[in-house]
PDB file of N, CA and C in Angstrom:
ATOM      1  N   UNK A   1     -41.226 -61.223  29.283  1.00  0.00           N
ATOM      2  CA  UNK A   1     -39.818 -60.723  29.099  1.00  0.00           C
ATOM      3  C   UNK A   1     -39.733 -60.120  27.778  1.00  0.00           C
ATOM      4  N   UNK A   2     -39.123 -58.967  27.735  1.00  0.00           N
ATOM      5  CA  UNK A   2     -38.958 -58.277  26.493  1.00  0.00           C
ATOM      6  C   UNK A   2     -37.720 -58.771  25.765  1.00  0.00           C
ATOM      7  N   UNK A   3     -37.384 -58.398  24.594  1.00  0.00           N
ATOM      8  CA  UNK A   3     -36.279 -58.550  23.917  1.00  0.00           C
ATOM      9  C   UNK A   3     -34.970 -58.026  24.546  1.00  0.00           C
ATOM     10  N   UNK A   4     -35.137 -56.920  25.161  1.00  0.00           N
ATOM     11  CA  UNK A   4     -34.097 -56.265  25.882  1.00  0.00           C
ATOM     12  C   UNK A   4     -33.596 -56.975  27.090  1.00  0.00           C
ATOM     13  N   UNK A   5     -34.431 -57.937  27.706  1.00  0.00           N
ATOM     14  CA  UNK A   5     -34.227 -58.793  28.880  1.00  0.00           C
ATOM     15  C   UNK A   5     -33.447 -60.050  28.501  1.00  0.00           C
ATOM     16  N   UNK A   6     -33.336 -60.296  27.147  1.00  0.00           N
ATOM     17  CA  UNK A   6     -32.635 -61.661  26.663  1.00  0.00           C
ATOM     18  C   UNK A   6     -31.097 -61.356  26.680  1.00  0.00           C
ATOM     19  N   UNK A   7     -30.391 -62.193  27.401  1.00  0.00           N
ATOM     20  CA  UNK A   7     -28.945 -62.069  27.380  1.00  0.00           C
ATOM     21  C   UNK A   7     -28.391 -62.467  25.831  1.00  0.00           C
ATOM     22  N   UNK A   8     -27.404 -61.712  25.495  1.00  0.00           N
ATOM     23  CA  UNK A   8     -26.763 -61.903  24.229  1.00  0.00           C
ATOM     24  C   UNK A   8     -25.565 -63.065  24.511  1.00  0.00           C
ATOM     25  N   UNK A   9     -25.433 -64.006  23.670  1.00  0.00           N
ATOM     26  CA  UNK A   9     -24.406 -64.969  23.810  1.00  0.00           C
ATOM     27  C   UNK A   9     -23.050 -64.352  23.631  1.00  0.00           C
ATOM     28  N   UNK A  10     -22.981 -63.024  23.147  1.00  0.00           N
ATOM     29  CA  UNK A  10     -21.684 -62.391  22.904  1.00  0.00           C
ATOM     30  C   UNK A  10     -21.256 -61.648  24.260  1.00  0.00           C
ATOM     31  N   UNK A  11     -22.092 -61.576  25.203  1.00  0.00           N
ATOM     32  CA  UNK A  11     -21.906 -61.078  26.550  1.00  0.00           C
ATOM     33  C   UNK A  11     -21.395 -61.933  27.550  1.00  0.00           C
ATOM     34  N   UNK A  12     -21.476 -63.293  27.171  1.00  0.00           N
ATOM     35  CA  UNK A  12     -21.036 -64.217  28.197  1.00  0.00           C
ATOM     36  C   UNK A  12     -19.631 -64.387  28.285  1.00  0.00           C
ATOM     37  N   UNK A  13     -19.152 -64.828  29.564  1.00  0.00           N
ATOM     38  CA  UNK A  13     -17.748 -65.119  29.586  1.00  0.00           C
ATOM     39  C   UNK A  13     -17.455 -66.641  29.120  1.00  0.00           C
ATOM     40  N   UNK A  14     -17.443 -66.785  27.810  1.00  0.00           N
ATOM     41  CA  UNK A  14     -17.183 -68.096  27.201  1.00  0.00           C
ATOM     42  C   UNK A  14     -16.035 -68.062  26.109  1.00  0.00           C
ATOM     43  N   UNK A  15     -15.544 -69.181  25.652  1.00  0.00           N
ATOM     44  CA  UNK A  15     -14.542 -68.963  24.692  1.00  0.00           C
ATOM     45  C   UNK A  15     -15.151 -68.731  23.358  1.00  0.00           C
ATOM     46  N   UNK A  16     -14.517 -67.900  22.504  1.00  0.00           N
ATOM     47  CA  UNK A  16     -15.017 -67.489  21.296  1.00  0.00           C
ATOM     48  C   UNK A  16     -14.072 -67.940  20.073  1.00  0.00           C
ATOM     49  N   UNK A  17     -14.711 -68.038  18.995  1.00  0.00           N
ATOM     50  CA  UNK A  17     -14.031 -68.346  17.865  1.00  0.00           C
ATOM     51  C   UNK A  17     -13.849 -67.229  16.747  1.00  0.00           C
ATOM     52  N   UNK A  18     -12.902 -67.243  15.880  1.00  0.00           N
ATOM     53  CA  UNK A  18     -12.875 -66.193  14.701  1.00  0.00           C
ATOM     54  C   UNK A  18     -13.186 -67.102  13.584  1.00  0.00           C
ATOM     55  N   UNK A  19     -14.373 -66.851  12.920  1.00  0.00           N
ATOM     56  CA  UNK A  19     -14.682 -67.494  11.795  1.00  0.00           C
ATOM     57  C   UNK A  19     -14.318 -66.698  10.389  1.00  0.00           C
ATOM     58  N   UNK A  20     -14.285 -67.533   9.348  1.00  0.00           N
ATOM     59  CA  UNK A  20     -14.208 -66.881   8.164  1.00  0.00           C
ATOM     60  C   UNK A  20     -14.858 -67.521   7.077  1.00  0.00           C
ATOM     61  N   UNK A  21     -15.574 -66.761   6.211  1.00  0.00           N
ATOM     62  CA  UNK A  21     -16.434 -67.575   5.067  1.00  0.00           C
ATOM     63  C   UNK A  21     -15.644 -67.440   3.706  1.00  0.00           C
ATOM     64  N   UNK A  22     -16.299 -68.004   2.664  1.00  0.00           N
ATOM     65  CA  UNK A  22     -15.591 -67.977   1.316  1.00  0.00           C
ATOM     66  C   UNK A  22     -15.119 -66.628   0.707  1.00  0.00           C
ATOM     67  N   UNK A  23     -15.905 -65.527   1.175  1.00  0.00           N
ATOM     68  CA  UNK A  23     -15.576 -64.129   0.708  1.00  0.00           C
ATOM     69  C   UNK A  23     -14.590 -63.588   1.477  1.00  0.00           C
ATOM     70  N   UNK A  24     -14.060 -64.194   2.559  1.00  0.00           N
ATOM     71  CA  UNK A  24     -12.985 -63.602   3.507  1.00  0.00           C
ATOM     72  C   UNK A  24     -13.600 -62.780   4.543  1.00  0.00           C
ATOM     73  N   UNK A  25     -14.906 -62.734   4.769  1.00  0.00           N
ATOM     74  CA  UNK A  25     -15.528 -61.978   5.839  1.00  0.00           C
ATOM     75  C   UNK A  25     -15.162 -62.758   7.219  1.00  0.00           C
ATOM     76  N   UNK A  26     -14.913 -62.066   8.145  1.00  0.00           N
ATOM     77  CA  UNK A  26     -14.620 -62.644   9.559  1.00  0.00           C
ATOM     78  C   UNK A  26     -15.824 -62.364  10.518  1.00  0.00           C
ATOM     79  N   UNK A  27     -16.063 -63.285  11.401  1.00  0.00           N
ATOM     80  CA  UNK A  27     -17.022 -63.149  12.340  1.00  0.00           C
ATOM     81  C   UNK A  27     -16.674 -63.767  13.810  1.00  0.00           C
ATOM     82  N   UNK A  28     -16.981 -62.995  14.861  1.00  0.00           N
ATOM     83  CA  UNK A  28     -16.708 -63.289  16.225  1.00  0.00           C
ATOM     84  C   UNK A  28     -17.868 -64.304  16.556  1.00  0.00           C
ATOM     85  N   UNK A  29     -17.461 -65.558  16.950  1.00  0.00           N
ATOM     86  CA  UNK A  29     -18.622 -66.528  17.166  1.00  0.00           C
ATOM     87  C   UNK A  29     -18.292 -67.162  18.582  1.00  0.00           C
ATOM     88  N   UNK A  30     -19.362 -67.445  19.433  1.00  0.00           N
ATOM     89  CA  UNK A  30     -19.192 -68.226  20.670  1.00  0.00           C
ATOM     90  C   UNK A  30     -19.094 -69.744  20.253  1.00  0.00           C
ATOM     91  N   UNK A  31     -18.015 -70.203  21.024  1.00  0.00           N
ATOM     92  CA  UNK A  31     -17.624 -71.645  20.742  1.00  0.00           C
ATOM     93  C   UNK A  31     -18.874 -72.640  20.828  1.00  0.00           C
ATOM     94  N   UNK A  32     -19.663 -72.319  21.903  1.00  0.00           N
ATOM     95  CA  UNK A  32     -20.720 -73.183  22.202  1.00  0.00           C
ATOM     96  C   UNK A  32     -21.847 -73.440  21.175  1.00  0.00           C
ATOM     97  N   UNK A  33     -21.759 -72.384  20.199  1.00  0.00           N
ATOM     98  CA  UNK A  33     -22.934 -72.413  19.179  1.00  0.00           C
ATOM     99  C   UNK A  33     -22.599 -73.416  18.065  1.00  0.00           C
ATOM    100  N   UNK A  34     -21.366 -73.803  17.974  1.00  0.00           N
ATOM    101  CA  UNK A  34     -20.896 -74.578  16.714  1.00  0.00           C
ATOM    102  C   UNK A  34     -20.686 -73.729  15.485  1.00  0.00           C
ATOM    103  N   UNK A  35     -19.936 -74.228  14.692  1.00  0.00           N
ATOM    104  CA  UNK A  35     -19.584 -73.491  13.563  1.00  0.00           C
ATOM    105  C   UNK A  35     -20.829 -73.704  12.416  1.00  0.00           C
ATOM    106  N   UNK A  36     -21.321 -72.575  11.914  1.00  0.00           N
ATOM    107  CA  UNK A  36     -22.438 -72.459  11.039  1.00  0.00           C
ATOM    108  C   UNK A  36     -21.897 -73.010   9.578  1.00  0.00           C
ATOM    109  N   UNK A  37     -22.622 -73.582   8.783  1.00  0.00           N
ATOM    110  CA  UNK A  37     -22.405 -74.113   7.388  1.00  0.00           C
ATOM    111  C   UNK A  37     -21.893 -72.784   6.679  1.00  0.00           C
ATOM    112  N   UNK A  38     -20.784 -73.193   5.842  1.00  0.00           N
ATOM    113  CA  UNK A  38     -20.303 -71.980   4.968  1.00  0.00           C
ATOM    114  C   UNK A  38     -19.175 -71.244   5.670  1.00  0.00           C
ATOM    115  N   UNK A  39     -18.853 -71.611   6.835  1.00  0.00           N
ATOM    116  CA  UNK A  39     -17.865 -70.828   7.812  1.00  0.00           C
ATOM    117  C   UNK A  39     -16.790 -71.816   8.214  1.00  0.00           C
ATOM    118  N   UNK A  40     -15.494 -71.388   8.357  1.00  0.00           N
ATOM    119  CA  UNK A  40     -14.450 -72.170   9.033  1.00  0.00           C
ATOM    120  C   UNK A  40     -13.805 -71.486  10.064  1.00  0.00           C
ATOM    121  N   UNK A  41     -13.193 -72.206  11.074  1.00  0.00           N
ATOM    122  CA  UNK A  41     -12.410 -71.499  12.098  1.00  0.00           C
ATOM    123  C   UNK A  41     -11.318 -71.100  11.627  1.00  0.00           C
ATOM    124  N   UNK A  42     -10.938 -69.772  11.942  1.00  0.00           N
ATOM    125  CA  UNK A  42      -9.763 -69.116  11.549  1.00  0.00           C
ATOM    126  C   UNK A  42      -8.776 -69.202  12.820  1.00  0.00           C
ATOM    127  N   UNK A  43      -9.409 -68.954  14.054  1.00  0.00           N
ATOM    128  CA  UNK A  43      -8.625 -68.989  15.307  1.00  0.00           C
ATOM    129  C   UNK A  43      -9.600 -69.168  16.443  1.00  0.00           C
ATOM    130  N   UNK A  44      -8.953 -69.551  17.572  1.00  0.00           N
ATOM    131  CA  UNK A  44      -9.878 -69.893  18.763  1.00  0.00           C
ATOM    132  C   UNK A  44      -9.805 -71.299  18.907  1.00  0.00           C
ATOM    133  N   UNK A  45     -10.418 -71.771  20.062  1.00  0.00           N
ATOM    134  CA  UNK A  45     -11.052 -70.902  21.029  1.00  0.00           C
ATOM    135  C   UNK A  45     -10.273 -70.141  21.874  1.00  0.00           C
ATOM    136  N   UNK A  46     -10.628 -68.916  22.180  1.00  0.00           N
ATOM    137  CA  UNK A  46      -9.981 -68.041  23.095  1.00  0.00           C
ATOM    138  C   UNK A  46     -10.859 -66.996  23.659  1.00  0.00           C
ATOM    139  N   UNK A  47     -10.276 -66.338  24.615  1.00  0.00           N
ATOM    140  CA  UNK A  47     -11.132 -65.110  25.277  1.00  0.00           C
ATOM    141  C   UNK A  47     -11.617 -64.178  24.190  1.00  0.00           C
ATOM    142  N   UNK A  48     -12.735 -63.559  24.437  1.00  0.00           N
ATOM    143  CA  UNK A  48     -13.239 -62.602  23.432  1.00  0.00           C
ATOM    144  C   UNK A  48     -12.325 -61.599  23.038  1.00  0.00           C
ATOM    145  N   UNK A  49     -11.444 -60.947  23.938  1.00  0.00           N
ATOM    146  CA  UNK A  49     -10.648 -59.853  23.680  1.00  0.00           C
ATOM    147  C   UNK A  49      -9.437 -60.292  22.677  1.00  0.00           C
ATOM    148  N   UNK A  50      -9.025 -61.503  22.864  1.00  0.00           N
ATOM    149  CA  UNK A  50      -8.131 -62.188  21.957  1.00  0.00           C
ATOM    150  C   UNK A  50      -8.732 -62.181  20.512  1.00  0.00           C
ATOM    151  N   UNK A  51      -9.985 -62.689  20.374  1.00  0.00           N
ATOM    152  CA  UNK A  51     -10.546 -62.918  19.295  1.00  0.00           C
ATOM    153  C   UNK A  51     -10.974 -61.544  18.430  1.00  0.00           C
ATOM    154  N   UNK A  52     -11.182 -60.509  19.347  1.00  0.00           N
ATOM    155  CA  UNK A  52     -11.509 -59.185  18.667  1.00  0.00           C
ATOM    156  C   UNK A  52     -10.249 -58.647  17.988  1.00  0.00           C
ATOM    157  N   UNK A  53      -9.083 -58.949  18.777  1.00  0.00           N
ATOM    158  CA  UNK A  53      -7.804 -58.461  18.003  1.00  0.00           C
ATOM    159  C   UNK A  53      -7.594 -59.194  16.639  1.00  0.00           C
ATOM    160  N   UNK A  54      -7.903 -60.388  16.715  1.00  0.00           N
ATOM    161  CA  UNK A  54      -7.794 -61.322  15.322  1.00  0.00           C
ATOM    162  C   UNK A  54      -8.570 -60.783  14.302  1.00  0.00           C
ATOM    163  N   UNK A  55      -9.831 -60.335  14.647  1.00  0.00           N
ATOM    164  CA  UNK A  55     -10.611 -59.809  13.651  1.00  0.00           C
ATOM    165  C   UNK A  55     -10.209 -58.672  12.894  1.00  0.00           C
ATOM    166  N   UNK A  56      -9.418 -57.814  13.588  1.00  0.00           N
ATOM    167  CA  UNK A  56      -8.680 -56.549  13.022  1.00  0.00           C
ATOM    168  C   UNK A  56      -7.432 -56.791  12.098  1.00  0.00           C
ATOM    169  N   UNK A  57      -6.963 -58.019  12.211  1.00  0.00           N
ATOM    170  CA  UNK A  57      -5.781 -58.323  11.455  1.00  0.00           C
ATOM    171  C   UNK A  57      -5.966 -58.448  10.106  1.00  0.00           C
ATOM    172  N   UNK A  58      -5.009 -58.149   9.179  1.00  0.00           N
ATOM    173  CA  UNK A  58      -5.150 -58.406   7.901  1.00  0.00           C
ATOM    174  C   UNK A  58      -5.377 -59.908   7.365  1.00  0.00           C
TER     175      UNK A  58
END
């Protein structure tokens, strides 16, 4: 199996979170992965499209 055959967790039909770190950087994150250290949940869980909109908000 090549790396191009490995599915991305961001392509899955799964709930997503919008995370934010201490610098105010935001990240789209699949809920099933758990929140990494140094990040907090800003919004979600929600469908990917809804979370992508939240990423663009000030």
